[in-house]
Every structure is written in C-alpha cells, then in structure tokens.
Amino acid sequence: MDLTQGNIRKQLISMAVPAGIGMLFYTLYNVVDTFYAGLISTEALAGLAISFPVYFILLAFAVGFGQGATALVSNLLGAKKEEDAIYIYIQSLTISLILSIFIGYITYKVSEPVFIFFGASDLFLENGLRYMQTLAYGAPFFIFANVINSFLYAQGDTKKNRNALIIGFFINLIFNPVLSLGMGPFPALGTMGIAIATILCQIFNVVYLGYFVLKSPLSQKFKFSYCKLQTKMVFDIFKQAFPASMNMLLIGMGFFIIQKYVTGYGANASAGYGIALRIEQIILLPAIGLNTAVLSMTGQNFGAKNFDRIYEAFVTSLKLALLLMVFGSAILFLAGEQMAFLFTRDTKVIQIAGSYLFMAAFLTFVYQVIHQSGSVLSGMKKPTINAFYTLLRVVIIPPFTFYFFSQTLGLGLNGIWWAILCSNISAAFLIFFHMRYLIKKEGLALKANPVT
C-alpha cells in the first residue's frame, strides 16, 4: 500500500482495525494464561504477574527489532528504493536470528535473581521460574516472528498478522488447559504448560507470516548475498532497533520498580496488579492498532519527505484514539472490579485490581498522546528521543512520586496508582511538544533546501 498519498483517515483505519483485532486476540490469549493460572493457585497467578517484567526482556527485543525494521523498510519504500528495502530487511532477519539466542539465554539466567529481588519465595518463586525459564527457550520465535512481520507492516499490511494472532489464540486456548491442568496422557505441568502453549503460538506465527513474506512480489528482489552482514547496514539497523528495544526495556524496568513497591504490600497486591494490567491492555487495544498504523504511515512519508502529511496523520490518529478511549475509560471507571472478578474469587485481590483500574480510567487518555507521539518519532528514525521520554516517565520520575503519594500523603498502595498517573501526564506534555517541534523543523529545512 502506498501511504504517501490518498485519504489518511481511511488508510489509518484500514491498518488500525486489523492490527487492533489482532492485538485483541493476543491479549485474550494472555488473559487465557491468567485464567488458567488462577485455576491452578493464587501462587501460580502471582508467579505469572511477577514474571511480567522479565517477560519484557523478550518482548523488548522482539518489538524493538520489529519496529526498527518496519521504520527502515517503510522509509525506503516511501523513497521508492525497493531493492534497498529488501536488502536491509534480510539483514534485519539475520541479525535478529543470531541475537535472539543470546537474549533467550540472558532471560533464563536473570529470572531467578530478579524474582528473589521482588521478594518471591517458595511456591510463588517456583511458579514464576517454571513459567519464565520455559518461555526463554522460545525467545528465537518471539523475536523472529516480529521481524518477519515488519516487512508486511512496512507495506501497510496488518491483516496477515491479525490472522496469525487470531489462530494463535485458538492454539493457546486448546493447549493451555491440556498442558497446564493435564488431560488424557498429558501430565499437569502448571505454569510450565502455560509457557509451552505460548511458544507453540509463536512457532506458528513464524511459519504463517514467513509464508506470506515469501509470496510478496517484493521478495522476488531477494538475493542470497543479502544474508551476509554488511557493517554499515548492521550499524543502521542497531541505530534504529536498539533504542526501540531499550524503550521497551525501560518500560519493563518501570514494571520492575512498580512491582517492587507493589510486592511490598503482599502476594495479593501483586496478583491484583497483574490482573489489572491484563484488563487495562484489553481497553487499550483499539488504540494500539492506531499506533501501528501511525508508525507505517510516518515511515513511508518520512522517506518521501511529506512532513505535513506526517503531522496530519498524527492529529487524525490521536482524535480517533481519544474517541475510542471515552468508551474504554467509562468501562474501567464503572466496572473495573466486576471485570477482575472474572479472573479470581479472592475479594482482596479484586479490590486491589479495582483500585488500579479506577486510576487507569484517566490514564488511558494520557497513554494515547505518549504512544502516538512515540510512533511518529520511531517512524522519523528518532527512536532515541522516544526512549529518553520513556526513561523519564517510568524510571526517573516514579520513585519520587511513589514516595510522595504513598508515604508523604499516606495513601499507601493507592498512592502508587496516582503516582503512575502523574508521571505519565508530565511525560505526555513533553514528548508531544518535542515531536511537533521536530516535524516543523524537518519541514522548514526541506523548504529551505528542497530536494531536486
């Protein structure tokens, strides 16, 4: 799809809807994981919750390299350099395959010390380790699937990944109870079984998405020589993908910080926070599809030097996202605890989840500004700026706001929730104005020195 011309609103919606539906099913299969963990025990549920920050190590490099490749390939497609786009895409695949093995090893090794740092012990610790260390073996499939899909996203095709995620959900739905609870000849593997089901989904994604990449007309430009790593291209890929990965890792670090404070209030608080995050993800899903659409739109138009179109796409996407969040925040505000009841019958856990979701009803609007601005910055090949503001909002500001709200004001656990809101509001203002300044700056530079 040529995103450098045509109706912006229609193009955004045509990309965002499939991406949003795909993410809905991706989140739902995480919800399935949470549901079956709850059937196993509260310790298993808390084990999955405490695994979330470590899981972000895998997710960070998978999403980071996927976004990095999408930005680079879409830039070249926008500039009508199709052969160069294929070249850098193949280089990205080669690098990600090598790197994913190393990332899996690191994830496996850091799980235990991180969980102990959070205060996990006994069954709580055992369940977290069985889940996370098993997932570490699937690291190559997590990362490779995202980079494979980047080629499709760069062309504005979000439907193939949607289909993969829908089918993956049903794969998970079938294998999760079989492997975690035990059925027929299969023993009950607990949280390890939940992790194995997730890995099976990722293996399917690699095969399914890889098939459509090979069928693409652009793949006809492939040459085996493209697999040999070139120093300059490796540098360009890491320059784009590494900050994007660091951005996700910083989000994971933010979860480390939050989990450390939350776990201090007990296993119930950790379990309640984990459930609340799953519910919050569901509410944010429609807008996540728009984030993907804005990245692809910005990437092609940055390559084509259409800066006015980039800002117009941002404004259009933000309006759509904020409209969607009106409904989402109303659901969180009015029915947060009722939604938590679907995952557990523990009254204390439900109350804690509900207290977070009440705050999240306001946070949903703030996230739209942050994520849409971040997508534009990534598409403009400025992921380092995006990473800086993530560092500010999830690592630098929170410890101060946590102490102020929970200790100085004496709000306890609820103080942590409101501290999260204030930290994100501050970052939203800063990243928005910085992003808008850079678009205007690039546009003025182009007018002063027009490309001939």
Protein backbone atom coordinates (compact mmCIF):
# COMPACT_ATOMS: atom_id res chain seq x y z
CA MET A 1 0.00 0.00 0.00
CA ASP A 2 1.33 3.44 -0.96
CA LEU A 3 0.83 5.56 2.18
CA THR A 4 2.40 8.68 0.71
CA GLN A 5 -0.86 9.63 -0.97
CA GLY A 6 -4.58 9.04 -0.58
CA ASN A 7 -7.12 9.55 2.20
CA ILE A 8 -5.25 9.49 5.52
CA ARG A 9 -8.26 8.65 7.68
CA LYS A 10 -9.27 5.69 5.53
CA GLN A 11 -5.71 4.38 5.36
CA LEU A 12 -5.24 4.66 9.13
CA ILE A 13 -8.49 2.84 9.81
CA SER A 14 -7.74 0.14 7.21
CA MET A 15 -4.46 -0.60 9.01
CA ALA A 16 -5.58 0.02 12.59
CA VAL A 17 -8.69 -2.17 12.61
CA PRO A 18 -6.90 -5.42 11.64
CA ALA A 19 -3.98 -4.55 13.94
CA GLY A 20 -6.37 -3.79 16.81
CA ILE A 21 -8.30 -7.03 16.28
CA GLY A 22 -5.03 -8.95 16.19
CA MET A 23 -3.87 -7.36 19.43
CA LEU A 24 -7.25 -8.13 20.98
CA PHE A 25 -6.68 -11.83 20.38
CA TYR A 26 -3.06 -11.54 21.51
CA THR A 27 -4.21 -10.03 24.78
CA LEU A 28 -7.02 -12.55 25.07
CA TYR A 29 -4.55 -15.39 24.93
CA ASN A 30 -2.65 -13.66 27.72
CA VAL A 31 -5.99 -13.47 29.53
CA VAL A 32 -6.38 -17.22 28.95
CA ASP A 33 -2.95 -17.69 30.57
CA THR A 34 -4.08 -15.65 33.58
CA PHE A 35 -7.38 -17.54 33.80
CA TYR A 36 -5.75 -20.97 33.92
CA ALA A 37 -3.06 -19.77 36.31
CA GLY A 38 -5.89 -18.69 38.60
CA LEU A 39 -7.36 -22.21 38.40
CA ILE A 40 -4.01 -23.67 39.46
CA SER A 41 -3.49 -21.48 42.57
CA THR A 42 -3.05 -17.92 43.81
CA GLU A 43 0.72 -18.60 43.86
CA ALA A 44 0.61 -19.52 40.17
CA LEU A 45 -1.33 -16.34 39.42
CA ALA A 46 1.19 -14.27 41.37
CA GLY A 47 4.01 -16.17 39.60
CA LEU A 48 2.72 -15.04 36.21
CA ALA A 49 2.28 -11.49 37.48
CA ILE A 50 5.83 -11.25 38.81
CA SER A 51 7.12 -12.74 35.53
CA PHE A 52 5.70 -9.82 33.57
CA PRO A 53 8.77 -7.53 33.97
CA VAL A 54 11.20 -10.30 32.95
CA TYR A 55 8.91 -11.22 30.05
CA PHE A 56 9.51 -7.68 28.89
CA ILE A 57 13.13 -8.55 28.14
CA LEU A 58 11.91 -10.91 25.44
CA LEU A 59 9.16 -8.57 24.36
CA ALA A 60 11.51 -5.57 24.26
CA PHE A 61 13.84 -7.06 21.69
CA ALA A 62 11.02 -8.65 19.72
CA VAL A 63 9.05 -5.39 19.46
CA GLY A 64 12.18 -3.21 19.22
CA PHE A 65 13.67 -5.05 16.27
CA GLY A 66 10.24 -5.36 14.69
CA GLN A 67 9.62 -1.61 14.96
CA GLY A 68 13.15 -0.82 13.86
CA ALA A 69 12.86 -2.94 10.75
CA THR A 70 9.40 -1.52 9.99
CA ALA A 71 10.74 2.05 10.16
CA LEU A 72 13.78 1.36 7.98
CA VAL A 73 11.92 -0.68 5.36
CA SER A 74 8.98 1.75 5.18
CA ASN A 75 11.36 4.72 4.80
CA LEU A 76 12.99 3.07 1.80
CA LEU A 77 9.65 2.06 0.29
CA GLY A 78 8.46 5.66 0.64
CA ALA A 79 11.60 6.80 -1.16
CA LYS A 80 10.85 4.20 -3.90
CA LYS A 81 14.04 2.22 -3.15
CA GLU A 82 12.53 -1.26 -3.15
CA GLU A 83 15.73 -3.25 -3.64
CA ASP A 84 17.40 -1.42 -0.74
CA ALA A 85 14.31 -2.14 1.36
CA ILE A 86 14.64 -5.89 0.73
CA TYR A 87 18.37 -5.75 1.44
CA ILE A 88 18.02 -4.14 4.86
CA TYR A 89 15.08 -6.39 5.71
CA ILE A 90 17.15 -9.54 5.10
CA GLN A 91 19.96 -8.04 7.17
CA SER A 92 17.47 -7.41 9.99
CA LEU A 93 16.28 -11.03 9.87
CA THR A 94 19.85 -12.34 10.03
CA ILE A 95 20.77 -10.15 12.99
CA SER A 96 17.59 -10.95 14.90
CA LEU A 97 18.09 -14.70 14.49
CA ILE A 98 21.59 -14.50 15.96
CA LEU A 99 20.65 -12.09 18.72
CA SER A 100 17.52 -13.98 19.81
CA ILE A 101 19.54 -16.97 21.04
CA PHE A 102 21.64 -14.70 23.25
CA ILE A 103 18.55 -12.90 24.58
CA GLY A 104 16.91 -16.20 25.48
CA TYR A 105 19.98 -17.21 27.49
CA ILE A 106 20.04 -13.89 29.36
CA THR A 107 16.31 -14.11 30.11
CA TYR A 108 16.74 -17.59 31.55
CA LYS A 109 19.63 -16.52 33.78
CA VAL A 110 18.17 -13.31 35.20
CA SER A 111 14.75 -14.75 36.10
CA GLU A 112 15.63 -16.22 39.49
CA PRO A 113 17.64 -13.30 40.93
CA VAL A 114 15.00 -10.83 39.73
CA PHE A 115 12.14 -12.78 41.31
CA ILE A 116 14.03 -13.13 44.57
CA PHE A 117 14.73 -9.41 44.48
CA PHE A 118 10.98 -8.86 44.30
CA GLY A 119 10.54 -10.98 47.39
CA ALA A 120 9.17 -14.13 45.78
CA SER A 121 9.78 -17.40 47.64
CA ASP A 122 8.55 -20.99 47.93
CA LEU A 123 5.62 -21.78 45.58
CA PHE A 124 5.41 -18.15 44.48
CA LEU A 125 9.02 -18.31 43.24
CA GLU A 126 8.72 -21.82 41.80
CA ASN A 127 5.69 -20.95 39.68
CA GLY A 128 7.32 -17.80 38.32
CA LEU A 129 10.51 -19.65 37.38
CA ARG A 130 8.76 -22.58 35.70
CA TYR A 131 6.85 -20.11 33.53
CA MET A 132 9.60 -17.64 32.65
CA GLN A 133 12.52 -20.02 32.19
CA THR A 134 10.42 -22.15 29.83
CA LEU A 135 9.48 -19.07 27.80
CA ALA A 136 13.18 -18.23 27.48
CA TYR A 137 13.63 -21.29 25.25
CA GLY A 138 11.12 -19.77 22.83
CA ALA A 139 12.99 -16.46 22.53
CA PRO A 140 14.09 -17.01 18.89
CA PHE A 141 10.47 -17.49 17.82
CA PHE A 142 9.26 -14.36 19.70
CA ILE A 143 11.86 -12.10 18.10
CA PHE A 144 11.97 -13.69 14.64
CA ALA A 145 8.17 -13.56 14.25
CA ASN A 146 8.13 -9.80 14.93
CA VAL A 147 10.91 -9.05 12.47
CA ILE A 148 9.30 -11.24 9.80
CA ASN A 149 6.06 -9.30 10.25
CA SER A 150 7.86 -5.93 9.97
CA PHE A 151 8.07 -6.42 6.21
CA LEU A 152 4.29 -6.68 5.97
CA TYR A 153 3.70 -3.76 8.36
CA ALA A 154 6.06 -1.53 6.35
CA GLN A 155 3.76 -2.04 3.36
CA GLY A 156 0.68 -1.21 5.43
CA ASP A 157 -0.46 -4.85 5.56
CA THR A 158 -1.70 -5.58 9.09
CA LYS A 159 -4.21 -8.26 8.09
CA LYS A 160 -1.76 -11.18 7.94
CA ASN A 161 -0.56 -10.60 11.50
CA ARG A 162 -4.18 -10.24 12.61
CA ASN A 163 -4.95 -13.67 11.17
CA ALA A 164 -1.85 -15.16 12.81
CA LEU A 165 -2.83 -13.79 16.22
CA ILE A 166 -6.43 -15.00 15.92
CA ILE A 167 -5.33 -18.52 15.03
CA GLY A 168 -2.65 -18.33 17.75
CA PHE A 169 -5.34 -17.54 20.30
CA PHE A 170 -7.19 -20.74 19.49
CA ILE A 171 -3.97 -22.74 19.57
CA ASN A 172 -3.34 -21.37 23.04
CA LEU A 173 -6.94 -21.95 24.10
CA ILE A 174 -6.63 -25.63 23.15
CA PHE A 175 -3.17 -26.39 24.53
CA ASN A 176 -3.32 -24.26 27.70
CA PRO A 177 -5.70 -26.46 29.72
CA VAL A 178 -4.24 -29.64 28.24
CA LEU A 179 -0.68 -28.79 29.28
CA SER A 180 -1.23 -26.75 32.45
CA LEU A 181 -4.01 -28.76 34.12
CA GLY A 182 -3.30 -32.10 32.48
CA MET A 183 -5.69 -34.03 30.23
CA GLY A 184 -5.57 -37.61 28.99
CA PRO A 185 -1.96 -38.73 28.57
CA PHE A 186 -0.61 -35.23 29.28
CA PRO A 187 0.56 -34.54 32.86
CA ALA A 188 -0.33 -31.31 34.67
CA LEU A 189 2.68 -29.06 34.04
CA GLY A 190 1.25 -25.99 35.81
CA THR A 191 2.81 -22.69 34.75
CA MET A 192 5.35 -24.55 32.58
CA GLY A 193 2.45 -25.84 30.47
CA ILE A 194 1.13 -22.28 30.06
CA ALA A 195 4.55 -21.23 28.74
CA ILE A 196 4.80 -24.16 26.30
CA ALA A 197 1.39 -23.27 24.84
CA THR A 198 2.63 -19.72 24.25
CA ILE A 199 5.76 -20.96 22.48
CA LEU A 200 3.64 -23.12 20.16
CA CYS A 201 1.75 -19.97 19.14
CA GLN A 202 5.00 -18.18 18.29
CA ILE A 203 6.23 -21.10 16.19
CA PHE A 204 3.00 -20.92 14.20
CA ASN A 205 3.46 -17.15 13.71
CA VAL A 206 6.93 -17.65 12.23
CA VAL A 207 5.69 -20.23 9.70
CA TYR A 208 2.46 -18.41 8.77
CA LEU A 209 3.91 -14.91 8.38
CA GLY A 210 7.04 -16.22 6.67
CA TYR A 211 4.86 -17.84 4.02
CA PHE A 212 3.23 -14.52 3.07
CA VAL A 213 6.53 -12.66 3.06
CA LEU A 214 7.87 -15.19 0.55
CA LYS A 215 4.74 -14.71 -1.59
CA SER A 216 5.17 -10.92 -1.74
CA PRO A 217 6.21 -9.55 -5.16
CA LEU A 218 8.96 -7.56 -3.45
CA SER A 219 10.56 -10.82 -2.27
CA GLN A 220 11.45 -11.53 -5.90
CA LYS A 221 14.24 -8.99 -5.48
CA PHE A 222 15.89 -11.19 -2.84
CA LYS A 223 19.50 -12.28 -3.34
CA PHE A 224 21.40 -14.77 -1.17
CA SER A 225 24.24 -12.26 -0.91
CA TYR A 226 21.91 -10.08 1.18
CA CYS A 227 22.28 -12.55 4.06
CA LYS A 228 25.94 -11.67 4.50
CA LEU A 229 26.06 -8.98 7.15
CA GLN A 230 27.31 -5.57 5.99
CA THR A 231 28.88 -3.31 8.61
CA LYS A 232 27.06 -0.16 7.56
CA MET A 233 23.66 -1.85 7.42
CA VAL A 234 24.24 -3.57 10.76
CA PHE A 235 25.03 -0.17 12.25
CA ASP A 236 21.89 1.38 10.69
CA ILE A 237 19.72 -1.46 11.99
CA PHE A 238 21.10 -1.27 15.53
CA LYS A 239 20.85 2.52 15.47
CA GLN A 240 17.11 2.17 14.87
CA ALA A 241 16.30 -1.11 16.63
CA PHE A 242 18.44 -0.84 19.76
CA PRO A 243 16.84 2.40 21.06
CA ALA A 244 13.40 0.93 20.26
CA SER A 245 14.33 -2.18 22.25
CA MET A 246 15.71 -0.03 25.05
CA ASN A 247 12.43 1.85 25.05
CA MET A 248 10.61 -1.40 25.74
CA LEU A 249 13.24 -2.49 28.26
CA LEU A 250 12.75 0.78 30.10
CA ILE A 251 9.04 0.05 30.26
CA GLY A 252 10.00 -3.33 31.71
CA MET A 253 12.27 -1.57 34.19
CA GLY A 254 9.33 0.62 35.10
CA PHE A 255 7.40 -2.55 35.88
CA PHE A 256 10.36 -3.70 37.99
CA ILE A 257 10.06 -0.53 40.03
CA ILE A 258 6.28 -0.74 40.32
CA GLN A 259 6.37 -4.45 41.16
CA LYS A 260 8.98 -3.85 43.86
CA TYR A 261 6.68 -1.35 45.56
CA VAL A 262 3.52 -3.38 44.94
CA THR A 263 5.01 -6.70 46.11
CA GLY A 264 5.87 -4.96 49.36
CA TYR A 265 2.13 -4.99 50.05
CA GLY A 266 1.96 -8.81 49.66
CA ALA A 267 1.12 -11.52 47.12
CA ASN A 268 -2.49 -10.31 46.91
CA ALA A 269 -1.30 -6.88 45.75
CA SER A 270 0.99 -8.47 43.15
CA ALA A 271 -1.81 -10.71 41.85
CA GLY A 272 -4.30 -7.82 41.78
CA TYR A 273 -1.88 -5.62 39.86
CA GLY A 274 -1.22 -8.44 37.35
CA ILE A 275 -4.95 -8.91 36.71
CA ALA A 276 -5.48 -5.15 36.37
CA LEU A 277 -2.72 -4.89 33.76
CA ARG A 278 -4.39 -7.57 31.64
CA ILE A 279 -7.72 -5.72 31.79
CA GLU A 280 -6.06 -2.38 31.02
CA GLN A 281 -4.43 -3.94 27.95
CA ILE A 282 -7.82 -5.02 26.61
CA ILE A 283 -9.19 -1.49 26.96
CA LEU A 284 -6.14 -0.01 25.19
CA LEU A 285 -6.28 -2.45 22.29
CA PRO A 286 -8.20 -0.36 19.71
CA ALA A 287 -5.69 2.48 20.08
CA ILE A 288 -2.73 0.09 19.86
CA GLY A 289 -3.85 -0.66 16.33
CA LEU A 290 -3.60 3.06 15.56
CA ASN A 291 -0.06 3.16 16.95
CA THR A 292 0.97 0.54 14.41
CA ALA A 293 -0.78 2.43 11.60
CA VAL A 294 0.93 5.72 12.52
CA LEU A 295 4.36 4.05 12.51
CA SER A 296 3.86 2.69 8.99
CA MET A 297 2.30 5.96 7.77
CA THR A 298 5.12 8.06 9.23
CA GLY A 299 7.83 5.73 7.92
CA GLN A 300 6.75 5.93 4.29
CA ASN A 301 6.06 9.66 4.38
CA PHE A 302 9.35 10.42 6.11
CA GLY A 303 11.10 8.58 3.28
CA ALA A 304 9.05 10.63 0.80
CA LYS A 305 9.68 13.89 2.77
CA ASN A 306 5.94 14.53 3.23
CA PHE A 307 6.16 16.23 6.65
CA ASP A 308 2.76 17.92 6.50
CA ARG A 309 1.19 14.53 5.86
CA ILE A 310 3.01 13.07 8.88
CA TYR A 311 1.52 15.64 11.25
CA GLU A 312 -1.90 15.36 9.67
CA ALA A 313 -1.77 11.58 10.18
CA PHE A 314 -0.77 12.10 13.83
CA VAL A 315 -3.63 14.51 14.53
CA THR A 316 -6.17 12.27 12.78
CA SER A 317 -4.96 9.20 14.63
CA LEU A 318 -4.93 10.94 18.01
CA LYS A 319 -8.52 12.14 17.56
CA LEU A 320 -9.64 8.61 16.73
CA ALA A 321 -7.72 7.16 19.70
CA LEU A 322 -9.12 9.66 22.19
CA LEU A 323 -12.65 8.97 20.95
CA LEU A 324 -12.16 5.24 21.50
CA MET A 325 -10.82 5.85 25.00
CA VAL A 326 -14.00 7.67 26.01
CA PHE A 327 -15.73 4.29 25.92
CA GLY A 328 -12.77 2.42 27.33
CA SER A 329 -12.31 4.68 30.33
CA ALA A 330 -16.05 4.53 31.09
CA ILE A 331 -15.81 0.74 31.30
CA LEU A 332 -12.83 0.91 33.69
CA PHE A 333 -14.46 3.60 35.79
CA LEU A 334 -17.78 1.82 36.19
CA ALA A 335 -16.92 -1.89 36.01
CA GLY A 336 -13.27 -2.35 36.99
CA GLU A 337 -13.91 -4.67 39.95
CA GLN A 338 -16.54 -6.66 38.08
CA MET A 339 -14.01 -7.39 35.32
CA ALA A 340 -11.41 -8.50 37.89
CA PHE A 341 -14.00 -10.95 39.26
CA LEU A 342 -13.65 -12.92 36.01
CA PHE A 343 -10.09 -13.90 36.97
CA THR A 344 -10.31 -14.64 40.68
CA ARG A 345 -12.76 -15.00 43.56
CA ASP A 346 -10.31 -13.60 46.10
CA THR A 347 -12.08 -10.47 47.42
CA LYS A 348 -8.88 -8.70 48.45
CA VAL A 349 -7.27 -9.27 45.04
CA ILE A 350 -10.40 -7.97 43.30
CA GLN A 351 -10.44 -4.79 45.42
CA ILE A 352 -6.78 -4.09 44.66
CA ALA A 353 -7.28 -4.63 40.93
CA GLY A 354 -10.33 -2.35 41.02
CA SER A 355 -8.40 0.45 42.75
CA TYR A 356 -5.78 0.43 39.98
CA LEU A 357 -8.38 0.31 37.20
CA PHE A 358 -10.16 3.35 38.66
CA MET A 359 -6.97 5.34 38.14
CA ALA A 360 -6.36 3.71 34.74
CA ALA A 361 -9.68 5.17 33.53
CA PHE A 362 -7.90 8.55 33.45
CA LEU A 363 -4.54 7.14 32.33
CA THR A 364 -5.96 5.74 29.07
CA PHE A 365 -6.20 9.26 27.58
CA VAL A 366 -2.65 10.13 28.59
CA TYR A 367 -1.25 6.98 27.00
CA GLN A 368 -2.67 7.96 23.62
CA VAL A 369 -0.59 11.13 23.45
CA ILE A 370 2.54 9.26 24.55
CA HIS A 371 2.16 6.29 22.23
CA GLN A 372 1.06 8.22 19.14
CA SER A 373 3.94 10.68 19.57
CA GLY A 374 6.34 7.80 20.10
CA SER A 375 5.18 6.10 16.88
CA VAL A 376 5.84 9.29 14.92
CA LEU A 377 9.33 9.62 16.41
CA SER A 378 10.14 5.99 15.56
CA GLY A 379 8.88 6.44 12.00
CA MET A 380 11.06 9.54 11.67
CA LYS A 381 14.09 7.40 12.70
CA LYS A 382 14.41 9.13 16.08
CA PRO A 383 13.77 6.25 18.50
CA THR A 384 16.38 7.56 20.95
CA ILE A 385 14.17 10.56 21.78
CA ASN A 386 11.24 8.25 22.41
CA ALA A 387 13.43 6.12 24.69
CA PHE A 388 14.51 9.21 26.64
CA TYR A 389 10.93 10.15 27.49
CA THR A 390 10.17 6.57 28.46
CA LEU A 391 13.17 6.70 30.81
CA LEU A 392 11.80 9.90 32.28
CA ARG A 393 8.26 8.65 32.88
CA VAL A 394 8.89 5.10 34.09
CA VAL A 395 12.30 5.24 35.79
CA ILE A 396 13.34 8.75 36.81
CA ILE A 397 10.09 10.39 37.95
CA PRO A 398 8.22 7.44 39.59
CA PRO A 399 10.41 6.82 42.69
CA PHE A 400 9.87 10.43 43.75
CA THR A 401 6.13 10.41 43.05
CA PHE A 402 5.74 6.99 44.68
CA TYR A 403 7.29 8.26 47.90
CA PHE A 404 5.30 11.47 47.82
CA PHE A 405 1.88 9.90 47.26
CA SER A 406 2.25 6.65 49.21
CA GLN A 407 4.40 7.87 52.12
CA THR A 408 4.18 11.65 52.44
CA LEU A 409 0.44 11.77 51.71
CA GLY A 410 -0.11 8.41 53.39
CA LEU A 411 -2.13 6.89 50.54
CA GLY A 412 -0.31 3.54 50.65
CA LEU A 413 -0.91 1.28 47.66
CA ASN A 414 -3.42 3.70 46.11
CA GLY A 415 -0.69 6.33 46.19
CA ILE A 416 1.37 4.22 43.79
CA TRP A 417 -1.51 4.20 41.31
CA TRP A 418 -1.88 8.01 41.37
CA ALA A 419 1.89 8.45 41.16
CA ILE A 420 1.84 6.46 37.91
CA LEU A 421 -0.81 8.80 36.51
CA CYS A 422 1.12 11.98 37.39
CA SER A 423 4.40 10.63 35.98
CA ASN A 424 2.76 9.85 32.64
CA ILE A 425 0.95 13.19 32.42
CA SER A 426 4.27 15.02 32.79
CA ALA A 427 5.92 12.93 30.08
CA ALA A 428 2.93 13.26 27.71
CA PHE A 429 3.24 17.04 27.56
CA LEU A 430 6.99 16.91 26.95
CA ILE A 431 7.03 14.24 24.23
CA PHE A 432 4.13 15.82 22.33
CA PHE A 433 5.72 19.27 22.07
CA HIS A 434 9.12 17.81 21.21
CA MET A 435 7.62 15.64 18.46
CA ARG A 436 5.69 18.59 16.99
CA TYR A 437 8.84 20.75 17.06
CA LEU A 438 10.85 18.13 15.14
CA ILE A 439 8.22 17.79 12.40
CA LYS A 440 8.15 21.56 11.91
CA LYS A 441 11.95 21.71 11.95
CA GLU A 442 12.27 18.99 9.28
CA GLY A 443 9.58 20.67 7.18
CA LEU A 444 11.27 24.07 7.33
CA ALA A 445 14.65 22.51 6.48
CA LEU A 446 13.12 20.88 3.41
CA LYS A 447 11.62 24.15 2.23
CA ALA A 448 14.96 25.91 2.71
CA ASN A 449 16.81 23.13 0.86
CA PRO A 450 14.31 21.44 -1.47
CA VAL A 451 15.17 18.01 -2.84
CA THR A 452 15.59 18.07 -6.59
